[in-house]
C-alpha atoms as a PDB file:
ATOM      1  CA  MET A   1      59.555 -43.326 193.485  1.00  0.00           C
ATOM      2  CA  ILE A   2      58.207 -39.798 193.548  1.00  0.00           C
ATOM      3  CA  LEU A   3      60.437 -37.251 195.262  1.00  0.00           C
ATOM      4  CA  PRO A   4      58.310 -34.103 195.437  1.00  0.00           C
ATOM      5  CA  ILE A   5      60.751 -32.010 197.464  1.00  0.00           C
ATOM      6  CA  THR A   6      63.745 -32.841 195.306  1.00  0.00           C
ATOM      7  CA  THR A   7      61.630 -32.398 192.181  1.00  0.00           C
ATOM      8  CA  THR A   8      60.526 -28.944 193.312  1.00  0.00           C
ATOM      9  CA  CYS A   9      64.080 -27.908 194.153  1.00  0.00           C
ATOM     10  CA  ALA A  10      65.411 -29.285 190.859  1.00  0.00           C
ATOM     11  CA  ALA A  11      62.749 -27.376 188.927  1.00  0.00           C
ATOM     12  CA  LEU A  12      63.576 -24.146 190.762  1.00  0.00           C
ATOM     13  CA  LEU A  13      67.294 -24.667 190.197  1.00  0.00           C
ATOM     14  CA  GLY A  14      66.618 -25.305 186.516  1.00  0.00           C
ATOM     15  CA  LEU A  15      64.853 -21.954 186.349  1.00  0.00           C
ATOM     16  CA  ILE A  16      67.716 -20.245 188.182  1.00  0.00           C
ATOM     17  CA  SER A  17      70.229 -21.614 185.677  1.00  0.00           C
ATOM     18  CA  VAL A  18      68.543 -19.830 182.766  1.00  0.00           C
ATOM     19  CA  PRO A  19      69.332 -16.212 183.716  1.00  0.00           C
ATOM     20  CA  LEU A  20      72.824 -17.222 184.800  1.00  0.00           C
ATOM     21  CA  THR A  21      73.650 -18.698 181.403  1.00  0.00           C
ATOM     22  CA  ILE A  22      71.793 -16.009 179.450  1.00  0.00           C
ATOM     23  CA  HIS A  23      73.804 -13.351 181.252  1.00  0.00           C
ATOM     24  CA  VAL A  24      77.040 -14.982 180.065  1.00  0.00           C
ATOM     25  CA  SER A  25      75.778 -15.284 176.479  1.00  0.00           C
ATOM     26  CA  VAL A  26      74.491 -11.715 176.311  1.00  0.00           C
ATOM     27  CA  ARG A  27      77.695 -10.320 177.800  1.00  0.00           C
ATOM     28  CA  ARG A  28      79.785 -12.276 175.267  1.00  0.00           C
ATOM     29  CA  ALA A  29      77.643 -10.907 172.436  1.00  0.00           C
ATOM     30  CA  MET A  30      77.903  -7.342 173.756  1.00  0.00           C
ATOM     31  CA  ILE A  31      81.685  -7.571 173.930  1.00  0.00           C
ATOM     32  CA  GLY A  32      81.765  -8.973 170.393  1.00  0.00           C
ATOM     33  CA  LEU A  33      79.533  -6.230 169.039  1.00  0.00           C
ATOM     34  CA  LYS A  34      81.438  -3.501 170.850  1.00  0.00           C
ATOM     35  CA  SER A  35      84.796  -4.733 169.555  1.00  0.00           C
ATOM     36  CA  GLY A  36      83.533  -5.245 166.015  1.00  0.00           C
ATOM     37  CA  LYS A  37      84.676  -8.853 166.181  1.00  0.00           C
ATOM     38  CA  ILE A  38      81.725 -11.083 167.039  1.00  0.00           C
ATOM     39  CA  ASP A  39      83.947 -13.874 168.350  1.00  0.00           C
ATOM     40  CA  ALA A  40      86.019 -11.595 170.607  1.00  0.00           C
ATOM     41  CA  ALA A  41      84.742 -13.265 173.770  1.00  0.00           C
ATOM     42  CA  VAL A  42      83.756 -16.724 172.585  1.00  0.00           C
ATOM     43  CA  PHE A  43      86.404 -18.331 174.798  1.00  0.00           C
ATOM     44  CA  GLY A  44      87.521 -16.913 178.111  1.00  0.00           C
ATOM     45  CA  HIS A  45      86.451 -13.576 179.514  1.00  0.00           C
ATOM     46  CA  ALA A  46      88.281 -11.159 177.186  1.00  0.00           C
ATOM     47  CA  ASP A  47      89.573  -9.242 180.230  1.00  0.00           C
ATOM     48  CA  ASP A  48      86.003  -8.154 180.990  1.00  0.00           C
ATOM     49  CA  LEU A  49      85.334  -8.212 184.738  1.00  0.00           C
ATOM     50  CA  MET A  50      81.550  -8.555 184.360  1.00  0.00           C
ATOM     51  CA  LEU A  51      81.939 -11.483 181.963  1.00  0.00           C
ATOM     52  CA  ARG A  52      84.519 -13.145 184.208  1.00  0.00           C
ATOM     53  CA  ASN A  53      82.211 -12.842 187.211  1.00  0.00           C
ATOM     54  CA  SER A  54      79.216 -14.100 185.221  1.00  0.00           C
ATOM     55  CA  ILE A  55      81.181 -17.109 183.961  1.00  0.00           C
ATOM     56  CA  ARG A  56      82.208 -17.977 187.510  1.00  0.00           C
ATOM     57  CA  ALA A  57      78.680 -17.483 188.857  1.00  0.00           C
ATOM     58  CA  PHE A  58      77.344 -19.956 186.298  1.00  0.00           C
ATOM     59  CA  GLY A  59      80.335 -22.276 186.714  1.00  0.00           C
ATOM     60  CA  ASN A  60      79.936 -22.343 190.473  1.00  0.00           C
ATOM     61  CA  PHE A  61      76.244 -23.097 190.044  1.00  0.00           C
ATOM     62  CA  VAL A  62      76.850 -26.087 187.764  1.00  0.00           C
ATOM     63  CA  GLU A  63      79.700 -27.355 189.936  1.00  0.00           C
ATOM     64  CA  TYR A  64      77.652 -27.570 193.121  1.00  0.00           C
ATOM     65  CA  THR A  65      74.071 -28.172 192.027  1.00  0.00           C
ATOM     66  CA  PRO A  66      74.284 -31.791 190.779  1.00  0.00           C
ATOM     67  CA  LEU A  67      75.786 -33.210 193.972  1.00  0.00           C
ATOM     68  CA  ALA A  68      73.399 -31.222 196.148  1.00  0.00           C
ATOM     69  CA  LEU A  69      70.422 -32.612 194.202  1.00  0.00           C
ATOM     70  CA  ILE A  70      71.765 -36.163 194.406  1.00  0.00           C
ATOM     71  CA  LEU A  71      72.205 -35.879 198.166  1.00  0.00           C
ATOM     72  CA  LEU A  72      68.772 -34.301 198.544  1.00  0.00           C
ATOM     73  CA  ALA A  73      67.149 -37.080 196.499  1.00  0.00           C
ATOM     74  CA  LEU A  74      68.899 -39.771 198.506  1.00  0.00           C
ATOM     75  CA  LEU A  75      67.892 -38.081 201.744  1.00  0.00           C
ATOM     76  CA  GLU A  76      64.260 -37.802 200.661  1.00  0.00           C
ATOM     77  CA  GLY A  77      64.249 -41.316 199.214  1.00  0.00           C
ATOM     78  CA  GLN A  78      65.541 -42.770 202.468  1.00  0.00           C
ATOM     79  CA  GLY A  79      62.654 -41.303 204.395  1.00  0.00           C
ATOM     80  CA  ALA A  80      64.251 -38.368 206.163  1.00  0.00           C
ATOM     81  CA  PRO A  81      61.768 -36.033 207.843  1.00  0.00           C
ATOM     82  CA  SER A  82      60.213 -33.771 205.241  1.00  0.00           C
ATOM     83  CA  GLY A  83      61.022 -30.670 207.288  1.00  0.00           C
ATOM     84  CA  LEU A  84      64.699 -31.571 207.143  1.00  0.00           C
ATOM     85  CA  VAL A  85      64.573 -32.176 203.394  1.00  0.00           C
ATOM     86  CA  TRP A  86      62.645 -28.936 202.755  1.00  0.00           C
ATOM     87  CA  GLY A  87      65.042 -27.014 204.981  1.00  0.00           C
ATOM     88  CA  ILE A  88      68.118 -28.273 203.181  1.00  0.00           C
ATOM     89  CA  GLY A  89      66.590 -27.906 199.726  1.00  0.00           C
ATOM     90  CA  GLY A  90      65.220 -24.449 200.445  1.00  0.00           C
ATOM     91  CA  ALA A  91      68.493 -23.247 201.925  1.00  0.00           C
ATOM     92  CA  PHE A  92      70.418 -24.558 198.939  1.00  0.00           C
ATOM     93  CA  VAL A  93      68.069 -22.932 196.402  1.00  0.00           C
ATOM     94  CA  ALA A  94      68.127 -19.622 198.288  1.00  0.00           C
ATOM     95  CA  GLY A  95      71.889 -19.847 198.600  1.00  0.00           C
ATOM     96  CA  ARG A  96      72.285 -20.364 194.870  1.00  0.00           C
ATOM     97  CA  VAL A  97      70.148 -17.292 194.147  1.00  0.00           C
ATOM     98  CA  VAL A  98      72.150 -15.134 196.537  1.00  0.00           C
ATOM     99  CA  HIS A  99      75.467 -16.518 195.314  1.00  0.00           C
ATOM    100  CA  GLY A 100      74.630 -15.957 191.650  1.00  0.00           C
ATOM    101  CA  LEU A 101      73.517 -12.387 192.262  1.00  0.00           C
ATOM    102  CA  ALA A 102      76.474 -11.627 194.499  1.00  0.00           C
ATOM    103  CA  MET A 103      79.024 -13.079 192.086  1.00  0.00           C
ATOM    104  CA  THR A 104      77.548 -11.259 189.127  1.00  0.00           C
ATOM    105  CA  PHE A 105      76.649  -7.872 190.545  1.00  0.00           C
ATOM    106  CA  ILE A 106      78.435  -7.278 193.869  1.00  0.00           C
ATOM    107  CA  SER A 107      81.645  -9.262 193.601  1.00  0.00           C
ATOM    108  CA  HIS A 108      83.527  -6.659 195.650  1.00  0.00           C
ATOM    109  CA  ASN A 109      81.595  -7.689 198.793  1.00  0.00           C
ATOM    110  CA  PRO A 110      82.332 -11.292 199.829  1.00  0.00           C
ATOM    111  CA  ALA A 111      79.770 -11.433 202.676  1.00  0.00           C
ATOM    112  CA  PRO A 112      76.702 -12.471 200.615  1.00  0.00           C
ATOM    113  CA  ARG A 113      78.736 -15.090 198.747  1.00  0.00           C
ATOM    114  CA  GLY A 114      80.086 -16.420 202.020  1.00  0.00           C
ATOM    115  CA  LEU A 115      76.620 -16.768 203.493  1.00  0.00           C
ATOM    116  CA  ALA A 116      75.402 -18.463 200.333  1.00  0.00           C
ATOM    117  CA  MET A 117      78.290 -20.911 200.460  1.00  0.00           C
ATOM    118  CA  LEU A 118      77.352 -21.816 204.038  1.00  0.00           C
ATOM    119  CA  ALA A 119      74.000 -23.003 202.648  1.00  0.00           C
ATOM    120  CA  THR A 120      75.893 -25.050 200.068  1.00  0.00           C
ATOM    121  CA  TYR A 121      78.146 -26.619 202.694  1.00  0.00           C
ATOM    122  CA  ALA A 122      75.085 -27.457 204.789  1.00  0.00           C
ATOM    123  CA  ALA A 123      73.428 -29.061 201.752  1.00  0.00           C
ATOM    124  CA  PHE A 124      76.436 -31.380 201.502  1.00  0.00           C
ATOM    125  CA  LEU A 125      77.134 -32.024 205.171  1.00  0.00           C
ATOM    126  CA  VAL A 126      73.679 -32.461 206.700  1.00  0.00           C
ATOM    127  CA  PRO A 127      72.369 -35.113 204.267  1.00  0.00           C
ATOM    128  CA  SER A 128      75.702 -36.937 204.312  1.00  0.00           C
ATOM    129  CA  ILE A 129      75.825 -37.080 208.088  1.00  0.00           C
ATOM    130  CA  TRP A 130      72.145 -37.990 208.397  1.00  0.00           C
ATOM    131  CA  MET A 131      72.478 -40.850 205.915  1.00  0.00           C
ATOM    132  CA  LEU A 132      75.645 -42.171 207.538  1.00  0.00           C
ATOM    133  CA  THR A 133      73.935 -42.221 210.928  1.00  0.00           C
ATOM    134  CA  GLN A 134      71.034 -44.222 209.449  1.00  0.00           C
ATOM    135  CA  LEU A 135      73.247 -47.085 208.306  1.00  0.00           C
ATOM    136  CA  SER A 136      72.809 -50.178 210.414  1.00  0.00           C
END
């Protein structure tokens, strides 16, 4: 079974994960170099706010993305209207971009993160409800 919408969203999310994880790695290395102890931030966030926020941005991404992709694939595989699948997938991908940027660079303002999380909640609720209503 080919799932072009889910495949596209998964590929985009895979690309989004790269800068999120690189940001954590680079920040850890910078803290290590600055402290003169390369392993200063190997575990935890070493009391560095930027590293803490970057860790959580990546962590949040990997916590939510698998279930969203599973639900999207099931929705697409069960023949949901393509507009619905694209809408949910697109909103989730956009939400993950906004959330990652907001967590990493503007953590003092919760509004963008909140809006991004609404897209995440929709990506869980809409497919779940649609699939449950299709059961006969």
